C-alpha atoms as a PDB file:
ATOM      1  CA  MET A   1      -1.461 -18.141  -2.673  1.00  0.00           C
ATOM      2  CA  GLY A   2      -0.049 -19.611  -5.851  1.00  0.00           C
ATOM      3  CA  VAL A   3       1.181 -18.476  -9.214  1.00  0.00           C
ATOM      4  CA  ASN A   4      -1.649 -16.123 -10.109  1.00  0.00           C
ATOM      5  CA  ASP A   5      -2.533 -14.789  -6.635  1.00  0.00           C
ATOM      6  CA  LEU A   6      -6.205 -15.483  -7.336  1.00  0.00           C
ATOM      7  CA  PRO A   7      -8.459 -17.535  -5.048  1.00  0.00           C
ATOM      8  CA  THR A   8      -8.848 -21.214  -5.856  1.00  0.00           C
ATOM      9  CA  PRO A   9     -12.339 -22.756  -6.003  1.00  0.00           C
ATOM     10  CA  ARG A  10     -11.873 -23.996  -2.446  1.00  0.00           C
ATOM     11  CA  GLU A  11     -10.791 -20.541  -1.277  1.00  0.00           C
ATOM     12  CA  ARG A  12     -13.798 -18.991  -2.989  1.00  0.00           C
ATOM     13  CA  ALA A  13     -16.118 -21.314  -1.095  1.00  0.00           C
ATOM     14  CA  GLU A  14     -16.597 -19.215   2.019  1.00  0.00           C
ATOM     15  CA  PRO A  15     -18.046 -20.832   5.155  1.00  0.00           C
ATOM     16  CA  ALA A  16     -21.777 -20.380   5.622  1.00  0.00           C
ATOM     17  CA  THR A  17     -21.256 -17.984   8.517  1.00  0.00           C
ATOM     18  CA  GLY A  18     -18.452 -16.021   6.854  1.00  0.00           C
ATOM     19  CA  ARG A  19     -18.434 -13.093   4.452  1.00  0.00           C
ATOM     20  CA  PRO A  20     -17.124 -13.208   0.881  1.00  0.00           C
ATOM     21  CA  ARG A  21     -13.615 -11.878   0.520  1.00  0.00           C
ATOM     22  CA  TRP A  22     -14.712  -8.765  -1.341  1.00  0.00           C
ATOM     23  CA  GLN A  23     -17.034  -7.827   1.516  1.00  0.00           C
ATOM     24  CA  ARG A  24     -14.297  -8.298   4.102  1.00  0.00           C
ATOM     25  CA  ALA A  25     -11.902  -6.235   1.976  1.00  0.00           C
ATOM     26  CA  ALA A  26     -14.503  -3.490   1.676  1.00  0.00           C
ATOM     27  CA  LEU A  27     -15.304  -3.509   5.398  1.00  0.00           C
ATOM     28  CA  ILE A  28     -11.642  -3.367   6.440  1.00  0.00           C
ATOM     29  CA  THR A  29     -10.945  -0.510   4.036  1.00  0.00           C
ATOM     30  CA  LEU A  30     -14.033   1.376   5.180  1.00  0.00           C
ATOM     31  CA  ALA A  31     -13.191   0.824   8.857  1.00  0.00           C
ATOM     32  CA  PHE A  32      -9.669   2.170   8.301  1.00  0.00           C
ATOM     33  CA  THR A  33     -11.056   5.234   6.532  1.00  0.00           C
ATOM     34  CA  VAL A  34     -13.555   5.877   9.340  1.00  0.00           C
ATOM     35  CA  ALA A  35     -10.691   5.578  11.823  1.00  0.00           C
ATOM     36  CA  LEU A  36      -8.808   8.298   9.916  1.00  0.00           C
ATOM     37  CA  TYR A  37     -11.794  10.622  10.332  1.00  0.00           C
ATOM     38  CA  VAL A  38     -12.137   9.816  14.030  1.00  0.00           C
ATOM     39  CA  ILE A  39      -8.440  10.525  14.566  1.00  0.00           C
ATOM     40  CA  GLU A  40      -8.691  13.825  12.680  1.00  0.00           C
ATOM     41  CA  ALA A  41     -11.711  14.811  14.777  1.00  0.00           C
ATOM     42  CA  VAL A  42      -9.791  14.069  17.979  1.00  0.00           C
ATOM     43  CA  ASP A  43      -6.823  16.030  16.623  1.00  0.00           C
ATOM     44  CA  THR A  44      -9.066  19.020  15.852  1.00  0.00           C
ATOM     45  CA  VAL A  45     -10.634  18.991  19.313  1.00  0.00           C
ATOM     46  CA  SER A  46      -7.204  18.717  20.944  1.00  0.00           C
ATOM     47  CA  GLY A  47      -5.850  21.740  19.085  1.00  0.00           C
ATOM     48  CA  ASP A  48      -3.907  19.783  16.457  1.00  0.00           C
ATOM     49  CA  SER A  49      -1.789  18.114  19.110  1.00  0.00           C
ATOM     50  CA  LEU A  50      -1.774  14.674  17.466  1.00  0.00           C
ATOM     51  CA  GLN A  51      -0.311  15.785  14.165  1.00  0.00           C
ATOM     52  CA  ARG A  52       2.925  16.707  15.928  1.00  0.00           C
ATOM     53  CA  SER A  53       3.560  12.943  16.258  1.00  0.00           C
ATOM     54  CA  GLY A  54       4.620  12.526  12.626  1.00  0.00           C
ATOM     55  CA  VAL A  55       7.969  11.435  11.231  1.00  0.00           C
ATOM     56  CA  ALA A  56      10.677  13.804  12.472  1.00  0.00           C
ATOM     57  CA  PRO A  57      13.751  12.861  10.423  1.00  0.00           C
ATOM     58  CA  ARG A  58      16.784  11.481  12.236  1.00  0.00           C
ATOM     59  CA  THR A  59      15.473  12.059  15.743  1.00  0.00           C
ATOM     60  CA  VAL A  60      14.798   9.305  18.243  1.00  0.00           C
ATOM     61  CA  ASP A  61      11.319  10.570  19.071  1.00  0.00           C
ATOM     62  CA  GLY A  62      10.638  10.980  15.365  1.00  0.00           C
ATOM     63  CA  LEU A  63      10.873   7.224  14.891  1.00  0.00           C
ATOM     64  CA  TRP A  64       7.471   6.919  16.580  1.00  0.00           C
ATOM     65  CA  GLY A  65       6.131   8.803  13.597  1.00  0.00           C
ATOM     66  CA  VAL A  66       6.881   5.768  11.436  1.00  0.00           C
ATOM     67  CA  LEU A  67       3.993   4.094  13.255  1.00  0.00           C
ATOM     68  CA  PHE A  68       1.638   7.060  13.557  1.00  0.00           C
ATOM     69  CA  ALA A  69       2.238   9.333  10.559  1.00  0.00           C
ATOM     70  CA  PRO A  70       0.009   7.527   8.009  1.00  0.00           C
ATOM     71  CA  VAL A  71      -3.091   8.012  10.171  1.00  0.00           C
ATOM     72  CA  LEU A  72      -2.492  11.716  10.880  1.00  0.00           C
ATOM     73  CA  HIS A  73      -3.383  14.690   8.656  1.00  0.00           C
ATOM     74  CA  SER A  74      -2.616  18.392   8.823  1.00  0.00           C
ATOM     75  CA  THR A  75      -6.125  19.574   7.878  1.00  0.00           C
ATOM     76  CA  TRP A  76      -9.526  18.198   6.936  1.00  0.00           C
ATOM     77  CA  GLY A  77      -8.735  19.140   3.338  1.00  0.00           C
ATOM     78  CA  HIS A  78      -5.609  16.993   3.520  1.00  0.00           C
ATOM     79  CA  LEU A  79      -7.726  14.056   4.705  1.00  0.00           C
ATOM     80  CA  PHE A  80     -10.442  14.654   2.096  1.00  0.00           C
ATOM     81  CA  ALA A  81      -7.821  14.558  -0.674  1.00  0.00           C
ATOM     82  CA  ASN A  82      -6.638  11.139   0.489  1.00  0.00           C
ATOM     83  CA  THR A  83     -10.061   9.599   1.143  1.00  0.00           C
ATOM     84  CA  VAL A  84     -11.074   8.328  -2.304  1.00  0.00           C
ATOM     85  CA  PRO A  85      -7.612   6.899  -3.157  1.00  0.00           C
ATOM     86  CA  VAL A  86      -7.535   5.174   0.245  1.00  0.00           C
ATOM     87  CA  LEU A  87     -10.947   3.606  -0.346  1.00  0.00           C
ATOM     88  CA  VAL A  88     -10.248   2.487  -3.926  1.00  0.00           C
ATOM     89  CA  LEU A  89      -6.632   1.371  -3.652  1.00  0.00           C
ATOM     90  CA  GLY A  90      -6.981  -0.099  -0.169  1.00  0.00           C
ATOM     91  CA  PHE A  91      -9.849  -2.272  -1.398  1.00  0.00           C
ATOM     92  CA  LEU A  92      -7.904  -3.421  -4.476  1.00  0.00           C
ATOM     93  CA  VAL A  93      -4.886  -4.346  -2.351  1.00  0.00           C
ATOM     94  CA  LEU A  94      -7.000  -6.524  -0.045  1.00  0.00           C
ATOM     95  CA  LEU A  95      -9.287  -8.049  -2.668  1.00  0.00           C
ATOM     96  CA  PRO A  96      -7.075 -10.961  -3.860  1.00  0.00           C
ATOM     97  CA  GLY A  97      -6.286 -11.959  -0.256  1.00  0.00           C
ATOM     98  CA  ILE A  98      -6.709 -10.227   3.099  1.00  0.00           C
ATOM     99  CA  GLY A  99      -3.516 -11.555   4.671  1.00  0.00           C
ATOM    100  CA  ARG A 100      -1.427 -10.787   1.610  1.00  0.00           C
ATOM    101  CA  GLY A 101      -2.891  -7.293   1.367  1.00  0.00           C
ATOM    102  CA  LEU A 102      -2.236  -6.541   5.037  1.00  0.00           C
ATOM    103  CA  THR A 103       1.345  -7.786   4.665  1.00  0.00           C
ATOM    104  CA  ALA A 104       1.849  -5.511   1.650  1.00  0.00           C
ATOM    105  CA  THR A 105       0.434  -2.603   3.662  1.00  0.00           C
ATOM    106  CA  ALA A 106       2.844  -3.306   6.520  1.00  0.00           C
ATOM    107  CA  VAL A 107       5.799  -3.288   4.113  1.00  0.00           C
ATOM    108  CA  VAL A 108       4.680   0.018   2.581  1.00  0.00           C
ATOM    109  CA  TRP A 109       4.042   1.512   6.031  1.00  0.00           C
ATOM    110  CA  ILE A 110       7.515   0.627   7.348  1.00  0.00           C
ATOM    111  CA  VAL A 111       9.568   1.301   4.202  1.00  0.00           C
ATOM    112  CA  GLY A 112       7.781   4.598   3.589  1.00  0.00           C
ATOM    113  CA  GLY A 113       8.234   5.757   7.158  1.00  0.00           C
ATOM    114  CA  LEU A 114      11.855   4.697   7.590  1.00  0.00           C
ATOM    115  CA  GLY A 115      12.847   6.059   4.184  1.00  0.00           C
ATOM    116  CA  THR A 116      11.334   9.417   5.108  1.00  0.00           C
ATOM    117  CA  TRP A 117      13.014   9.365   8.522  1.00  0.00           C
ATOM    118  CA  LEU A 118      16.407   8.719   6.924  1.00  0.00           C
ATOM    119  CA  THR A 119      16.292  11.156   4.000  1.00  0.00           C
ATOM    120  CA  ALA A 120      13.874  14.035   4.635  1.00  0.00           C
ATOM    121  CA  GLY A 121      15.006  17.466   5.735  1.00  0.00           C
ATOM    122  CA  ALA A 122      15.808  18.156   9.368  1.00  0.00           C
ATOM    123  CA  HIS A 123      13.261  19.943  11.554  1.00  0.00           C
ATOM    124  CA  THR A 124      10.316  18.815   9.425  1.00  0.00           C
ATOM    125  CA  ASN A 125       7.233  16.809  10.336  1.00  0.00           C
ATOM    126  CA  HIS A 126       5.789  14.304   7.857  1.00  0.00           C
ATOM    127  CA  ILE A 127       2.208  13.030   8.144  1.00  0.00           C
ATOM    128  CA  GLY A 128      -0.574  11.725   5.938  1.00  0.00           C
ATOM    129  CA  ALA A 129      -2.019   8.548   4.428  1.00  0.00           C
ATOM    130  CA  SER A 130      -0.528   9.428   1.041  1.00  0.00           C
ATOM    131  CA  VAL A 131       2.484   7.250   1.912  1.00  0.00           C
ATOM    132  CA  LEU A 132       0.047   4.320   1.828  1.00  0.00           C
ATOM    133  CA  VAL A 133      -1.727   5.608  -1.263  1.00  0.00           C
ATOM    134  CA  PHE A 134       1.521   5.711  -3.238  1.00  0.00           C
ATOM    135  CA  GLY A 135       2.577   2.306  -1.944  1.00  0.00           C
ATOM    136  CA  TRP A 136      -0.775   0.716  -2.706  1.00  0.00           C
ATOM    137  CA  LEU A 137      -0.727   2.262  -6.176  1.00  0.00           C
ATOM    138  CA  THR A 138       2.653   0.814  -7.143  1.00  0.00           C
ATOM    139  CA  TYR A 139       1.797  -2.495  -5.483  1.00  0.00           C
ATOM    140  CA  VAL A 140      -1.395  -2.922  -7.512  1.00  0.00           C
ATOM    141  CA  VAL A 141       0.382  -1.861 -10.714  1.00  0.00           C
ATOM    142  CA  ALA A 142       3.443  -4.091 -10.170  1.00  0.00           C
ATOM    143  CA  ARG A 143       2.032  -7.276  -8.676  1.00  0.00           C
ATOM    144  CA  GLY A 144       0.527  -8.575 -11.918  1.00  0.00           C
ATOM    145  CA  PHE A 145       3.866  -8.302 -13.704  1.00  0.00           C
ATOM    146  CA  PHE A 146       5.719 -10.129 -10.919  1.00  0.00           C
ATOM    147  CA  LEU A 147       3.005 -12.796 -10.791  1.00  0.00           C
ATOM    148  CA  ARG A 148       2.687 -12.915 -14.591  1.00  0.00           C
ATOM    149  CA  ASP A 149      -1.064 -12.953 -14.194  1.00  0.00           C
ATOM    150  CA  PHE A 150      -3.121 -11.384 -16.972  1.00  0.00           C
ATOM    151  CA  VAL A 151      -6.070 -10.326 -14.797  1.00  0.00           C
ATOM    152  CA  GLN A 152      -3.821  -8.635 -12.237  1.00  0.00           C
ATOM    153  CA  ILE A 153      -1.850  -6.930 -15.026  1.00  0.00           C
ATOM    154  CA  LEU A 154      -5.103  -5.651 -16.510  1.00  0.00           C
ATOM    155  CA  ILE A 155      -6.223  -4.303 -13.131  1.00  0.00           C
ATOM    156  CA  GLY A 156      -2.829  -2.655 -12.722  1.00  0.00           C
ATOM    157  CA  VAL A 157      -3.072  -0.994 -16.123  1.00  0.00           C
ATOM    158  CA  VAL A 158      -6.536   0.382 -15.341  1.00  0.00           C
ATOM    159  CA  VAL A 159      -5.344   1.676 -11.968  1.00  0.00           C
ATOM    160  CA  PHE A 160      -2.313   3.271 -13.590  1.00  0.00           C
ATOM    161  CA  VAL A 161      -4.502   5.041 -16.132  1.00  0.00           C
ATOM    162  CA  LEU A 162      -6.754   6.355 -13.350  1.00  0.00           C
ATOM    163  CA  TYR A 163      -4.162   7.205 -10.714  1.00  0.00           C
ATOM    164  CA  GLY A 164      -0.778   7.107 -12.442  1.00  0.00           C
ATOM    165  CA  GLY A 165      -0.635  10.897 -12.476  1.00  0.00           C
ATOM    166  CA  LEU A 166      -0.174  10.786  -8.714  1.00  0.00           C
ATOM    167  CA  LEU A 167       3.321   9.402  -9.237  1.00  0.00           C
ATOM    168  CA  TRP A 168       4.550  12.889 -10.126  1.00  0.00           C
ATOM    169  CA  GLY A 169       4.309  13.376  -6.382  1.00  0.00           C
ATOM    170  CA  VAL A 170       7.528  11.408  -5.869  1.00  0.00           C
ATOM    171  CA  PHE A 171       9.417  14.464  -7.143  1.00  0.00           C
ATOM    172  CA  PRO A 172      10.149  17.570  -5.008  1.00  0.00           C
ATOM    173  CA  THR A 173       7.495  19.856  -6.458  1.00  0.00           C
ATOM    174  CA  SER A 174       6.491  21.729  -3.283  1.00  0.00           C
ATOM    175  CA  PRO A 175       8.177  22.365   0.077  1.00  0.00           C
ATOM    176  CA  LEU A 176       4.833  21.632   1.775  1.00  0.00           C
ATOM    177  CA  VAL A 177       4.527  18.143   0.251  1.00  0.00           C
ATOM    178  CA  SER A 178       6.407  15.147   1.661  1.00  0.00           C
ATOM    179  CA  TRP A 179       7.775  13.831  -1.602  1.00  0.00           C
ATOM    180  CA  GLN A 180      10.080  11.579   0.407  1.00  0.00           C
ATOM    181  CA  GLY A 181       7.050   9.849   1.904  1.00  0.00           C
ATOM    182  CA  HIS A 182       5.553   9.473  -1.569  1.00  0.00           C
ATOM    183  CA  LEU A 183       8.806   8.142  -3.016  1.00  0.00           C
ATOM    184  CA  PHE A 184       9.551   5.594  -0.323  1.00  0.00           C
ATOM    185  CA  GLY A 185       5.922   4.580  -0.044  1.00  0.00           C
ATOM    186  CA  ALA A 186       5.988   3.842  -3.783  1.00  0.00           C
ATOM    187  CA  LEU A 187       9.254   1.913  -3.438  1.00  0.00           C
ATOM    188  CA  GLY A 188       7.718  -0.030  -0.573  1.00  0.00           C
ATOM    189  CA  GLY A 189       4.809  -1.002  -2.815  1.00  0.00           C
ATOM    190  CA  VAL A 190       7.131  -2.366  -5.505  1.00  0.00           C
ATOM    191  CA  LEU A 191       9.177  -4.214  -2.861  1.00  0.00           C
ATOM    192  CA  ALA A 192       6.013  -5.745  -1.391  1.00  0.00           C
ATOM    193  CA  ALA A 193       4.808  -6.848  -4.833  1.00  0.00           C
ATOM    194  CA  TRP A 194       8.157  -8.471  -5.565  1.00  0.00           C
ATOM    195  CA  ALA A 195       8.479 -10.149  -2.163  1.00  0.00           C
ATOM    196  CA  LEU A 196       4.922 -11.491  -2.117  1.00  0.00           C
ATOM    197  CA  ALA A 197       5.389 -12.983  -5.584  1.00  0.00           C
ATOM    198  CA  SER A 198       8.242 -15.177  -4.329  1.00  0.00           C
ATOM    199  CA  ASP A 199       6.022 -18.266  -4.226  1.00  0.00           C
ATOM    200  CA  ALA A 200       5.047 -17.668  -7.854  1.00  0.00           C
ATOM    201  CA  ARG A 201       8.700 -17.362  -8.864  1.00  0.00           C
ATOM    202  CA  ARG A 202       9.513 -20.544  -6.946  1.00  0.00           C
ATOM    203  CA  ASP A 203       6.694 -22.411  -8.673  1.00  0.00           C
ATOM    204  CA  ARG A 204       7.917 -21.266 -12.074  1.00  0.00           C
ATOM    205  CA  ARG A 205      11.477 -22.442 -11.296  1.00  0.00           C
ATOM    206  CA  THR A 206      10.123 -25.802 -10.158  1.00  0.00           C
ATOM    207  CA  GLU A 207       8.130 -26.153 -13.357  1.00  0.00           C
ATOM    208  CA  ARG A 208      11.166 -25.346 -15.483  1.00  0.00           C
ATOM    209  CA  ARG A 209      13.352 -27.888 -13.648  1.00  0.00           C
ATOM    210  CA  GLY A 210      10.711 -30.573 -13.969  1.00  0.00           C
ATOM    211  CA  ARG A 211      10.052 -29.977 -17.676  1.00  0.00           C
ATOM    212  CA  PRO A 212      11.524 -32.636 -19.989  1.00  0.00           C
ATOM    213  CA  PRO A 213      14.104 -31.447 -22.539  1.00  0.00           C
ATOM    214  CA  GLU A 214      12.806 -30.387 -25.911  1.00  0.00           C
ATOM    215  CA  LEU A 215      14.020 -32.466 -28.848  1.00  0.00           C
ATOM    216  CA  ARG A 216      14.409 -30.774 -32.199  1.00  0.00           C
ATOM    217  CA  GLY A 217      14.344 -32.647 -35.488  1.00  0.00           C
END
């Protein structure tokens, strides 16, 4: 989208029949959260059969969990704990640009799932939206620094102050917590922030090459 990842005046001018970007970001985030509750309700009615489709490390069938694990939860309490971070961080990821935010989410989803599949303990089952929460957190914190954009850095600092304590979850503190999912989700967020800032880095290199030499007296 450019060096600062913020909408240009033309991008801010939404069509008369369209919604502002912040409304679309909010609706998508809310719809995803509602879907999590619907899935948990179906899982409860089915006797917790869905949650067995999580990431099962280093098994062929367990690879399907890379796709399904972030929308599955072990209990309603597990889902409740993830709800507010999903709403807040999901919205902030999508706010600067829907397509860019969805791409970042896809990177977090895949890196978090595959990293868990490769490194977690055998005979375990890993589920929960926290892999996205950790990825969104590091993405929002890191993107401003990669873009060198003051507003995005400021947002990242505020988010870090509010949610930075979650990052302790990347360490093996409890056998019942998928720290591998947290760790690789967080790494996926940093990777997404770096990759999606490639146009900004390219623009900066172009500017440096096109800048006339400085003459010193």
